[in-house]
């Protein structure tokens, strides 16, 4: 399964523009950005349209999930999206935090409870361990 999308943005052959595709198994680039919520919040029905958009994907991949702690508006948005996707579509959460820490990163409140309820039930968790490839492949400082 290719992880790049068609079309090149420069002469290197790499595409720097994330592509969202409906009804495919290709990953959605990066987590939801706060500026999209800000833009949608200023338009009538903007948030509802954004929720429908992210709810419609057959496979939604949230990369670097919870790297930044979400504010209340983002938690509400995540809850709505997860509610729409629950038992109907697949979502992949790529994160460096173990399952036990995610509730706290989501704020530890009732909204965090509801989001986690929709994520952990029927979930498959793949723990890749503590092995760090960057540390493993880094050259020792003495050899430089």
Foldseek 3Di string as FASTA:
>chain_A
DDQADDDDPDPVRGRPDFDDDAPDAHEGPEADDPVQVVVQVVDVCSLVVVLCVLLRHQEYEHAQPLVDQDDPVVLVSLLSNLVSNQPPHYYHYHHPDDLVCQLVSNPVDPSSVSNSVSAPVVHDDDDPDDDDPCVVPDDDPVVD
